Amino acid sequence: MKVAIYARYSSDNQRDASIADQMRVCRAFAERQGWTVAQEYSDHAVSGAHAASLRFPSVDARRVEPPI
């Protein structure tokens, strides 16, 4: 199954390493599941409410397979 990873942090109290850590954990999870990471997305210092209008439309448009 092909999957996409979306990582973000929303406050000035977090840092770019938060994104790298999330990506690392998600890549490892995908590998354990036998999934292929087809795309990675990230937003830096963006609230969840605002992020939905920024990145999620592009993720939806590129969806490759629905989860089971």
N, C-alpha and C. Protein backbone atom coordinates (compact mmCIF):
# COMPACT_ATOMS: atom_id res chain seq x y z
N MET A 1 0.84 -1.17 0.00
CA MET A 1 0.00 0.00 0.00
C MET A 1 0.90 1.24 0.00
N LYS A 2 0.52 2.21 -0.78
CA LYS A 2 1.22 3.48 -0.80
C LYS A 2 0.55 4.42 0.20
N VAL A 3 1.36 5.14 0.97
CA VAL A 3 0.84 6.06 1.97
C VAL A 3 1.57 7.39 1.90
N ALA A 4 0.95 8.39 2.49
CA ALA A 4 1.58 9.71 2.63
C ALA A 4 1.76 9.99 4.11
N ILE A 5 2.78 10.75 4.42
CA ILE A 5 3.04 11.18 5.80
C ILE A 5 2.81 12.68 5.86
N TYR A 6 2.08 13.10 6.88
CA TYR A 6 1.89 14.53 7.13
C TYR A 6 2.34 14.82 8.55
N ALA A 7 3.31 15.72 8.69
CA ALA A 7 3.83 16.09 10.00
C ALA A 7 3.79 17.61 10.14
N ARG A 8 3.53 18.07 11.36
CA ARG A 8 3.53 19.51 11.58
C ARG A 8 3.79 19.80 13.04
N TYR A 9 4.18 21.03 13.29
CA TYR A 9 4.17 21.55 14.64
C TYR A 9 3.51 22.91 14.60
N SER A 10 2.90 23.28 15.73
CA SER A 10 2.02 24.44 15.68
C SER A 10 2.44 25.62 16.54
N SER A 11 3.48 25.49 17.32
CA SER A 11 3.81 26.61 18.19
C SER A 11 5.28 26.97 18.12
N ASP A 12 5.56 28.16 18.61
CA ASP A 12 6.94 28.62 18.67
C ASP A 12 7.75 27.85 19.70
N ASN A 13 7.06 27.10 20.58
CA ASN A 13 7.75 26.31 21.60
C ASN A 13 8.32 25.01 21.02
N GLN A 14 7.92 24.66 19.81
CA GLN A 14 8.44 23.47 19.16
C GLN A 14 9.47 23.90 18.14
N ARG A 15 10.12 22.92 17.50
CA ARG A 15 11.20 23.25 16.58
C ARG A 15 11.17 22.33 15.37
N ASP A 16 11.98 22.65 14.38
CA ASP A 16 12.03 21.84 13.16
C ASP A 16 12.34 20.38 13.44
N ALA A 17 13.09 20.11 14.50
CA ALA A 17 13.39 18.71 14.84
C ALA A 17 12.12 17.93 15.14
N SER A 18 11.06 18.62 15.58
CA SER A 18 9.79 17.96 15.83
C SER A 18 9.28 17.31 14.54
N ILE A 19 9.41 18.00 13.42
CA ILE A 19 9.00 17.46 12.12
C ILE A 19 9.86 16.25 11.78
N ALA A 20 11.16 16.38 11.93
CA ALA A 20 12.07 15.28 11.61
C ALA A 20 11.76 14.05 12.46
N ASP A 21 11.49 14.27 13.74
CA ASP A 21 11.15 13.16 14.64
C ASP A 21 9.86 12.48 14.21
N GLN A 22 8.84 13.26 13.88
CA GLN A 22 7.56 12.69 13.43
C GLN A 22 7.74 11.89 12.15
N MET A 23 8.50 12.43 11.21
CA MET A 23 8.74 11.74 9.95
C MET A 23 9.46 10.41 10.19
N ARG A 24 10.46 10.43 11.06
CA ARG A 24 11.23 9.23 11.36
C ARG A 24 10.33 8.15 11.94
N VAL A 25 9.49 8.52 12.91
CA VAL A 25 8.58 7.56 13.54
C VAL A 25 7.58 7.02 12.51
N CYS A 26 7.04 7.89 11.67
CA CYS A 26 6.06 7.46 10.67
C CYS A 26 6.69 6.57 9.61
N ARG A 27 7.92 6.90 9.17
CA ARG A 27 8.60 6.06 8.19
C ARG A 27 8.84 4.65 8.75
N ALA A 28 9.28 4.60 10.02
CA ALA A 28 9.53 3.30 10.66
C ALA A 28 8.23 2.50 10.77
N PHE A 29 7.14 3.16 11.14
CA PHE A 29 5.84 2.49 11.23
C PHE A 29 5.42 1.94 9.87
N ALA A 30 5.55 2.77 8.84
CA ALA A 30 5.19 2.34 7.49
C ALA A 30 6.01 1.13 7.06
N GLU A 31 7.30 1.15 7.37
CA GLU A 31 8.17 0.03 7.00
C GLU A 31 7.73 -1.25 7.71
N ARG A 32 7.41 -1.15 9.00
CA ARG A 32 6.95 -2.33 9.75
C ARG A 32 5.65 -2.89 9.18
N GLN A 33 4.82 -2.03 8.61
CA GLN A 33 3.55 -2.46 8.04
C GLN A 33 3.71 -2.97 6.60
N GLY A 34 4.88 -2.75 6.02
CA GLY A 34 5.10 -3.13 4.63
C GLY A 34 4.56 -2.12 3.64
N TRP A 35 4.35 -0.89 4.10
CA TRP A 35 3.81 0.16 3.26
C TRP A 35 4.93 0.93 2.58
N THR A 36 4.63 1.54 1.45
CA THR A 36 5.56 2.40 0.73
C THR A 36 5.15 3.85 0.95
N VAL A 37 6.08 4.65 1.44
CA VAL A 37 5.79 6.08 1.62
C VAL A 37 5.93 6.75 0.26
N ALA A 38 4.79 7.19 -0.28
CA ALA A 38 4.77 7.78 -1.62
C ALA A 38 5.01 9.28 -1.59
N GLN A 39 4.64 9.92 -0.49
CA GLN A 39 4.77 11.38 -0.41
C GLN A 39 4.90 11.78 1.05
N GLU A 40 5.61 12.88 1.29
CA GLU A 40 5.73 13.44 2.63
C GLU A 40 5.36 14.91 2.58
N TYR A 41 4.60 15.34 3.56
CA TYR A 41 4.15 16.72 3.68
C TYR A 41 4.50 17.23 5.07
N SER A 42 4.78 18.51 5.18
CA SER A 42 5.02 19.09 6.50
C SER A 42 4.64 20.56 6.52
N ASP A 43 4.24 21.00 7.68
CA ASP A 43 3.97 22.41 7.93
C ASP A 43 4.68 22.81 9.21
N HIS A 44 5.29 23.95 9.18
CA HIS A 44 6.07 24.45 10.31
C HIS A 44 5.34 25.62 10.96
N ALA A 45 5.10 25.50 12.26
CA ALA A 45 4.46 26.56 13.05
C ALA A 45 3.12 26.99 12.47
N VAL A 46 2.27 26.00 12.14
CA VAL A 46 0.95 26.26 11.59
C VAL A 46 -0.07 25.53 12.46
N SER A 47 -1.12 26.23 12.87
CA SER A 47 -2.15 25.60 13.70
C SER A 47 -2.91 24.55 12.90
N GLY A 48 -3.49 23.59 13.59
CA GLY A 48 -4.25 22.54 12.93
C GLY A 48 -5.41 23.08 12.13
N ALA A 49 -6.10 24.08 12.65
CA ALA A 49 -7.25 24.66 11.94
C ALA A 49 -6.80 25.30 10.63
N HIS A 50 -5.68 25.99 10.66
CA HIS A 50 -5.17 26.65 9.46
C HIS A 50 -4.53 25.63 8.51
N ALA A 51 -3.89 24.61 9.06
CA ALA A 51 -3.21 23.61 8.24
C ALA A 51 -4.19 22.89 7.33
N ALA A 52 -5.41 22.67 7.80
CA ALA A 52 -6.40 21.96 6.99
C ALA A 52 -6.64 22.68 5.67
N SER A 53 -6.59 23.99 5.70
CA SER A 53 -6.83 24.74 4.46
C SER A 53 -5.58 24.82 3.60
N LEU A 54 -4.41 24.53 4.16
CA LEU A 54 -3.16 24.64 3.41
C LEU A 54 -2.77 23.35 2.71
N ARG A 55 -2.65 22.27 3.46
CA ARG A 55 -2.07 21.04 2.93
C ARG A 55 -3.07 19.94 2.62
N PHE A 56 -4.12 19.83 3.40
CA PHE A 56 -4.99 18.69 3.23
C PHE A 56 -5.63 18.59 1.85
N PRO A 57 -5.99 19.70 1.19
CA PRO A 57 -6.53 19.53 -0.18
C PRO A 57 -5.54 18.85 -1.11
N SER A 58 -4.25 19.16 -0.99
CA SER A 58 -3.27 18.52 -1.87
C SER A 58 -3.08 17.05 -1.50
N VAL A 59 -3.19 16.72 -0.22
CA VAL A 59 -3.10 15.33 0.19
C VAL A 59 -4.29 14.56 -0.36
N ASP A 60 -5.50 15.10 -0.22
CA ASP A 60 -6.69 14.43 -0.72
C ASP A 60 -6.61 14.22 -2.23
N ALA A 61 -6.11 15.21 -2.93
CA ALA A 61 -6.04 15.12 -4.38
C ALA A 61 -5.06 14.05 -4.84
N ARG A 62 -4.10 13.71 -3.99
CA ARG A 62 -3.07 12.74 -4.37
C ARG A 62 -3.26 11.39 -3.69
N ARG A 63 -4.39 11.19 -3.05
CA ARG A 63 -4.63 9.94 -2.34
C ARG A 63 -4.42 8.78 -3.29
N VAL A 64 -3.68 7.77 -2.84
CA VAL A 64 -3.38 6.66 -3.73
C VAL A 64 -4.20 5.41 -3.41
N GLU A 65 -4.42 5.10 -2.15
CA GLU A 65 -5.23 3.95 -1.77
C GLU A 65 -5.88 4.25 -0.43
N PRO A 66 -7.17 3.98 -0.27
CA PRO A 66 -7.80 4.21 1.03
C PRO A 66 -7.34 3.17 2.04
N PRO A 67 -7.31 3.52 3.31
CA PRO A 67 -6.93 2.53 4.33
C PRO A 67 -8.00 1.45 4.43
N ILE A 68 -7.60 0.31 4.89
CA ILE A 68 -8.55 -0.82 5.05
C ILE A 68 -9.26 -0.68 6.39
